[in-house]
Amino acid sequence: MSSTNTYRDAVLQDRANENRELRCEAARALELIERGDVEQAKSLLRRISRTTTEQ
């Protein structure tokens, strides 16, 4: 395997891990909304938004 493929695979794995974390955080926000804790859900979603726009 070339170093280019290794690098590409590492980048793809990092992206997959980030996507997994975002899905988990979004699921947590949904749970908060369903429990009626809208303000905490909004705070979590703002944090997620800042994290994804900084990249």
PDB file of N, CA and C in Angstrom:
ATOM      1  N   MET A   1       0.853  -1.178   0.000  1.00  0.00           N
ATOM      2  CA  MET A   1       0.000   0.000   0.000  1.00  0.00           C
ATOM      3  C   MET A   1       0.897   1.237   0.000  1.00  0.00           C
ATOM      4  N   SER A   2       0.601   2.186  -0.858  1.00  0.00           N
ATOM      5  CA  SER A   2       1.423   3.386  -0.936  1.00  0.00           C
ATOM      6  C   SER A   2       1.113   4.321   0.227  1.00  0.00           C
ATOM      7  N   SER A   3       2.039   5.245   0.447  1.00  0.00           N
ATOM      8  CA  SER A   3       1.826   6.200   1.540  1.00  0.00           C
ATOM      9  C   SER A   3       0.628   7.108   1.246  1.00  0.00           C
ATOM     10  N   THR A   4       0.335   7.347  -0.046  1.00  0.00           N
ATOM     11  CA  THR A   4      -0.827   8.153  -0.409  1.00  0.00           C
ATOM     12  C   THR A   4      -2.110   7.459   0.018  1.00  0.00           C
ATOM     13  N   ASN A   5      -2.187   6.160  -0.223  1.00  0.00           N
ATOM     14  CA  ASN A   5      -3.372   5.400   0.184  1.00  0.00           C
ATOM     15  C   ASN A   5      -3.484   5.354   1.701  1.00  0.00           C
ATOM     16  N   THR A   6      -2.379   5.201   2.377  1.00  0.00           N
ATOM     17  CA  THR A   6      -2.386   5.163   3.829  1.00  0.00           C
ATOM     18  C   THR A   6      -2.889   6.489   4.392  1.00  0.00           C
ATOM     19  N   TYR A   7      -2.386   7.578   3.833  1.00  0.00           N
ATOM     20  CA  TYR A   7      -2.827   8.904   4.280  1.00  0.00           C
ATOM     21  C   TYR A   7      -4.316   9.079   4.013  1.00  0.00           C
ATOM     22  N   ARG A   8      -4.755   8.723   2.804  1.00  0.00           N
ATOM     23  CA  ARG A   8      -6.166   8.862   2.451  1.00  0.00           C
ATOM     24  C   ARG A   8      -7.041   8.027   3.382  1.00  0.00           C
ATOM     25  N   ASP A   9      -6.613   6.815   3.662  1.00  0.00           N
ATOM     26  CA  ASP A   9      -7.375   5.952   4.572  1.00  0.00           C
ATOM     27  C   ASP A   9      -7.449   6.555   5.973  1.00  0.00           C
ATOM     28  N   ALA A  10      -6.363   7.151   6.425  1.00  0.00           N
ATOM     29  CA  ALA A  10      -6.353   7.777   7.751  1.00  0.00           C
ATOM     30  C   ALA A  10      -7.306   8.977   7.782  1.00  0.00           C
ATOM     31  N   VAL A  11      -7.294   9.775   6.717  1.00  0.00           N
ATOM     32  CA  VAL A  11      -8.195  10.925   6.645  1.00  0.00           C
ATOM     33  C   VAL A  11      -9.640  10.462   6.637  1.00  0.00           C
ATOM     34  N   LEU A  12      -9.925   9.439   5.854  1.00  0.00           N
ATOM     35  CA  LEU A  12     -11.298   8.914   5.801  1.00  0.00           C
ATOM     36  C   LEU A  12     -11.730   8.352   7.146  1.00  0.00           C
ATOM     37  N   GLN A  13     -10.823   7.683   7.842  1.00  0.00           N
ATOM     38  CA  GLN A  13     -11.146   7.140   9.162  1.00  0.00           C
ATOM     39  C   GLN A  13     -11.413   8.257  10.155  1.00  0.00           C
ATOM     40  N   ASP A  14     -10.609   9.323  10.099  1.00  0.00           N
ATOM     41  CA  ASP A  14     -10.838  10.473  10.972  1.00  0.00           C
ATOM     42  C   ASP A  14     -12.207  11.083  10.706  1.00  0.00           C
ATOM     43  N   ARG A  15     -12.538  11.231   9.433  1.00  0.00           N
ATOM     44  CA  ARG A  15     -13.837  11.814   9.072  1.00  0.00           C
ATOM     45  C   ARG A  15     -14.979  10.918   9.551  1.00  0.00           C
ATOM     46  N   ALA A  16     -14.821   9.611   9.403  1.00  0.00           N
ATOM     47  CA  ALA A  16     -15.853   8.678   9.867  1.00  0.00           C
ATOM     48  C   ALA A  16     -16.032   8.789  11.380  1.00  0.00           C
ATOM     49  N   ASN A  17     -14.922   8.920  12.100  1.00  0.00           N
ATOM     50  CA  ASN A  17     -14.999   9.072  13.559  1.00  0.00           C
ATOM     51  C   ASN A  17     -15.701  10.369  13.942  1.00  0.00           C
ATOM     52  N   GLU A  18     -15.388  11.466  13.243  1.00  0.00           N
ATOM     53  CA  GLU A  18     -16.042  12.742  13.516  1.00  0.00           C
ATOM     54  C   GLU A  18     -17.540  12.647  13.240  1.00  0.00           C
ATOM     55  N   ASN A  19     -17.900  12.003  12.138  1.00  0.00           N
ATOM     56  CA  ASN A  19     -19.317  11.845  11.803  1.00  0.00           C
ATOM     57  C   ASN A  19     -20.040  11.028  12.863  1.00  0.00           C
ATOM     58  N   ARG A  20     -19.403   9.988  13.359  1.00  0.00           N
ATOM     59  CA  ARG A  20     -19.997   9.154  14.403  1.00  0.00           C
ATOM     60  C   ARG A  20     -20.238   9.983  15.662  1.00  0.00           C
ATOM     61  N   GLU A  21     -19.245  10.799  16.027  1.00  0.00           N
ATOM     62  CA  GLU A  21     -19.394  11.653  17.208  1.00  0.00           C
ATOM     63  C   GLU A  21     -20.533  12.657  17.017  1.00  0.00           C
ATOM     64  N   LEU A  22     -20.628  13.244  15.824  1.00  0.00           N
ATOM     65  CA  LEU A  22     -21.709  14.191  15.558  1.00  0.00           C
ATOM     66  C   LEU A  22     -23.073  13.530  15.638  1.00  0.00           C
ATOM     67  N   ARG A  23     -23.190  12.317  15.110  1.00  0.00           N
ATOM     68  CA  ARG A  23     -24.471  11.605  15.187  1.00  0.00           C
ATOM     69  C   ARG A  23     -24.844  11.327  16.634  1.00  0.00           C
ATOM     70  N   CYS A  24     -23.883  10.957  17.439  1.00  0.00           N
ATOM     71  CA  CYS A  24     -24.148  10.697  18.865  1.00  0.00           C
ATOM     72  C   CYS A  24     -24.590  11.976  19.572  1.00  0.00           C
ATOM     73  N   GLU A  25     -23.919  13.082  19.277  1.00  0.00           N
ATOM     74  CA  GLU A  25     -24.285  14.356  19.899  1.00  0.00           C
ATOM     75  C   GLU A  25     -25.668  14.811  19.430  1.00  0.00           C
ATOM     76  N   ALA A  26     -25.973  14.603  18.158  1.00  0.00           N
ATOM     77  CA  ALA A  26     -27.303  14.972  17.647  1.00  0.00           C
ATOM     78  C   ALA A  26     -28.380  14.124  18.318  1.00  0.00           C
ATOM     79  N   ALA A  27     -28.093  12.844  18.528  1.00  0.00           N
ATOM     80  CA  ALA A  27     -29.047  11.967  19.212  1.00  0.00           C
ATOM     81  C   ALA A  27     -29.253  12.444  20.653  1.00  0.00           C
ATOM     82  N   ARG A  28     -28.182  12.882  21.287  1.00  0.00           N
ATOM     83  CA  ARG A  28     -28.303  13.409  22.655  1.00  0.00           C
ATOM     84  C   ARG A  28     -29.164  14.668  22.653  1.00  0.00           C
ATOM     85  N   ALA A  29     -28.970  15.547  21.672  1.00  0.00           N
ATOM     86  CA  ALA A  29     -29.789  16.759  21.584  1.00  0.00           C
ATOM     87  C   ALA A  29     -31.260  16.404  21.409  1.00  0.00           C
ATOM     88  N   LEU A  30     -31.535  15.411  20.589  1.00  0.00           N
ATOM     89  CA  LEU A  30     -32.912  14.973  20.396  1.00  0.00           C
ATOM     90  C   LEU A  30     -33.508  14.454  21.704  1.00  0.00           C
ATOM     91  N   GLU A  31     -32.735  13.667  22.440  1.00  0.00           N
ATOM     92  CA  GLU A  31     -33.214  13.163  23.733  1.00  0.00           C
ATOM     93  C   GLU A  31     -33.524  14.318  24.679  1.00  0.00           C
ATOM     94  N   LEU A  32     -32.667  15.331  24.686  1.00  0.00           N
ATOM     95  CA  LEU A  32     -32.904  16.491  25.547  1.00  0.00           C
ATOM     96  C   LEU A  32     -34.201  17.194  25.164  1.00  0.00           C
ATOM     97  N   ILE A  33     -34.420  17.358  23.860  1.00  0.00           N
ATOM     98  CA  ILE A  33     -35.652  18.003  23.388  1.00  0.00           C
ATOM     99  C   ILE A  33     -36.866  17.183  23.792  1.00  0.00           C
ATOM    100  N   GLU A  34     -36.788  15.885  23.606  1.00  0.00           N
ATOM    101  CA  GLU A  34     -37.917  15.016  23.965  1.00  0.00           C
ATOM    102  C   GLU A  34     -38.225  15.069  25.455  1.00  0.00           C
ATOM    103  N   ARG A  35     -37.201  15.294  26.280  1.00  0.00           N
ATOM    104  CA  ARG A  35     -37.411  15.420  27.725  1.00  0.00           C
ATOM    105  C   ARG A  35     -37.875  16.806  28.114  1.00  0.00           C
ATOM    106  N   GLY A  36     -37.869  17.728  27.152  1.00  0.00           N
ATOM    107  CA  GLY A  36     -38.307  19.079  27.439  1.00  0.00           C
ATOM    108  C   GLY A  36     -37.189  20.030  27.822  1.00  0.00           C
ATOM    109  N   ASP A  37     -35.963  19.579  27.761  1.00  0.00           N
ATOM    110  CA  ASP A  37     -34.817  20.414  28.127  1.00  0.00           C
ATOM    111  C   ASP A  37     -34.277  21.101  26.872  1.00  0.00           C
ATOM    112  N   VAL A  38     -35.108  21.987  26.325  1.00  0.00           N
ATOM    113  CA  VAL A  38     -34.807  22.625  25.047  1.00  0.00           C
ATOM    114  C   VAL A  38     -33.577  23.531  25.154  1.00  0.00           C
ATOM    115  N   GLU A  39     -33.437  24.256  26.244  1.00  0.00           N
ATOM    116  CA  GLU A  39     -32.300  25.177  26.376  1.00  0.00           C
ATOM    117  C   GLU A  39     -30.971  24.417  26.353  1.00  0.00           C
ATOM    118  N   GLN A  40     -30.899  23.286  27.037  1.00  0.00           N
ATOM    119  CA  GLN A  40     -29.655  22.514  27.028  1.00  0.00           C
ATOM    120  C   GLN A  40     -29.416  21.920  25.645  1.00  0.00           C
ATOM    121  N   ALA A  41     -30.480  21.502  24.973  1.00  0.00           N
ATOM    122  CA  ALA A  41     -30.345  20.973  23.609  1.00  0.00           C
ATOM    123  C   ALA A  41     -29.819  22.063  22.675  1.00  0.00           C
ATOM    124  N   LYS A  42     -30.344  23.275  22.819  1.00  0.00           N
ATOM    125  CA  LYS A  42     -29.878  24.391  21.988  1.00  0.00           C
ATOM    126  C   LYS A  42     -28.399  24.663  22.250  1.00  0.00           C
ATOM    127  N   SER A  43     -28.000  24.609  23.493  1.00  0.00           N
ATOM    128  CA  SER A  43     -26.603  24.829  23.840  1.00  0.00           C
ATOM    129  C   SER A  43     -25.705  23.755  23.202  1.00  0.00           C
ATOM    130  N   LEU A  44     -26.135  22.524  23.288  1.00  0.00           N
ATOM    131  CA  LEU A  44     -25.381  21.418  22.691  1.00  0.00           C
ATOM    132  C   LEU A  44     -25.284  21.587  21.176  1.00  0.00           C
ATOM    133  N   LEU A  45     -26.391  21.937  20.544  1.00  0.00           N
ATOM    134  CA  LEU A  45     -26.388  22.118  19.093  1.00  0.00           C
ATOM    135  C   LEU A  45     -25.512  23.301  18.675  1.00  0.00           C
ATOM    136  N   ARG A  46     -25.487  24.344  19.471  1.00  0.00           N
ATOM    137  CA  ARG A  46     -24.589  25.471  19.165  1.00  0.00           C
ATOM    138  C   ARG A  46     -23.133  25.030  19.242  1.00  0.00           C
ATOM    139  N   ARG A  47     -22.810  24.243  20.262  1.00  0.00           N
ATOM    140  CA  ARG A  47     -21.433  23.755  20.413  1.00  0.00           C
ATOM    141  C   ARG A  47     -21.052  22.867  19.234  1.00  0.00           C
ATOM    142  N   ILE A  48     -21.971  21.981  18.838  1.00  0.00           N
ATOM    143  CA  ILE A  48     -21.716  21.118  17.682  1.00  0.00           C
ATOM    144  C   ILE A  48     -21.478  21.980  16.442  1.00  0.00           C
ATOM    145  N   SER A  49     -22.307  22.997  16.277  1.00  0.00           N
ATOM    146  CA  SER A  49     -22.199  23.872  15.115  1.00  0.00           C
ATOM    147  C   SER A  49     -20.856  24.584  15.085  1.00  0.00           C
ATOM    148  N   ARG A  50     -20.420  25.097  16.208  1.00  0.00           N
ATOM    149  CA  ARG A  50     -19.122  25.783  16.265  1.00  0.00           C
ATOM    150  C   ARG A  50     -17.991  24.819  15.942  1.00  0.00           C
ATOM    151  N   THR A  51     -18.082  23.614  16.458  1.00  0.00           N
ATOM    152  CA  THR A  51     -17.036  22.616  16.223  1.00  0.00           C
ATOM    153  C   THR A  51     -16.926  22.274  14.739  1.00  0.00           C
ATOM    154  N   THR A  52     -18.059  22.096  14.078  1.00  0.00           N
ATOM    155  CA  THR A  52     -18.027  21.688  12.674  1.00  0.00           C
ATOM    156  C   THR A  52     -17.646  22.839  11.756  1.00  0.00           C
ATOM    157  N   THR A  53     -17.949  24.079  12.119  1.00  0.00           N
ATOM    158  CA  THR A  53     -17.608  25.199  11.243  1.00  0.00           C
ATOM    159  C   THR A  53     -16.150  25.625  11.401  1.00  0.00           C
ATOM    160  N   GLU A  54     -15.497  25.211  12.475  1.00  0.00           N
ATOM    161  CA  GLU A  54     -14.092  25.556  12.689  1.00  0.00           C
ATOM    162  C   GLU A  54     -13.161  24.694  11.871  1.00  0.00           C
ATOM    163  N   GLN A  55     -13.650  23.602  11.352  1.00  0.00           N
ATOM    164  CA  GLN A  55     -12.770  22.671  10.631  1.00  0.00           C
ATOM    165  C   GLN A  55     -12.583  23.057   9.199  1.00  0.00           C
TER     166      GLN A  55
END
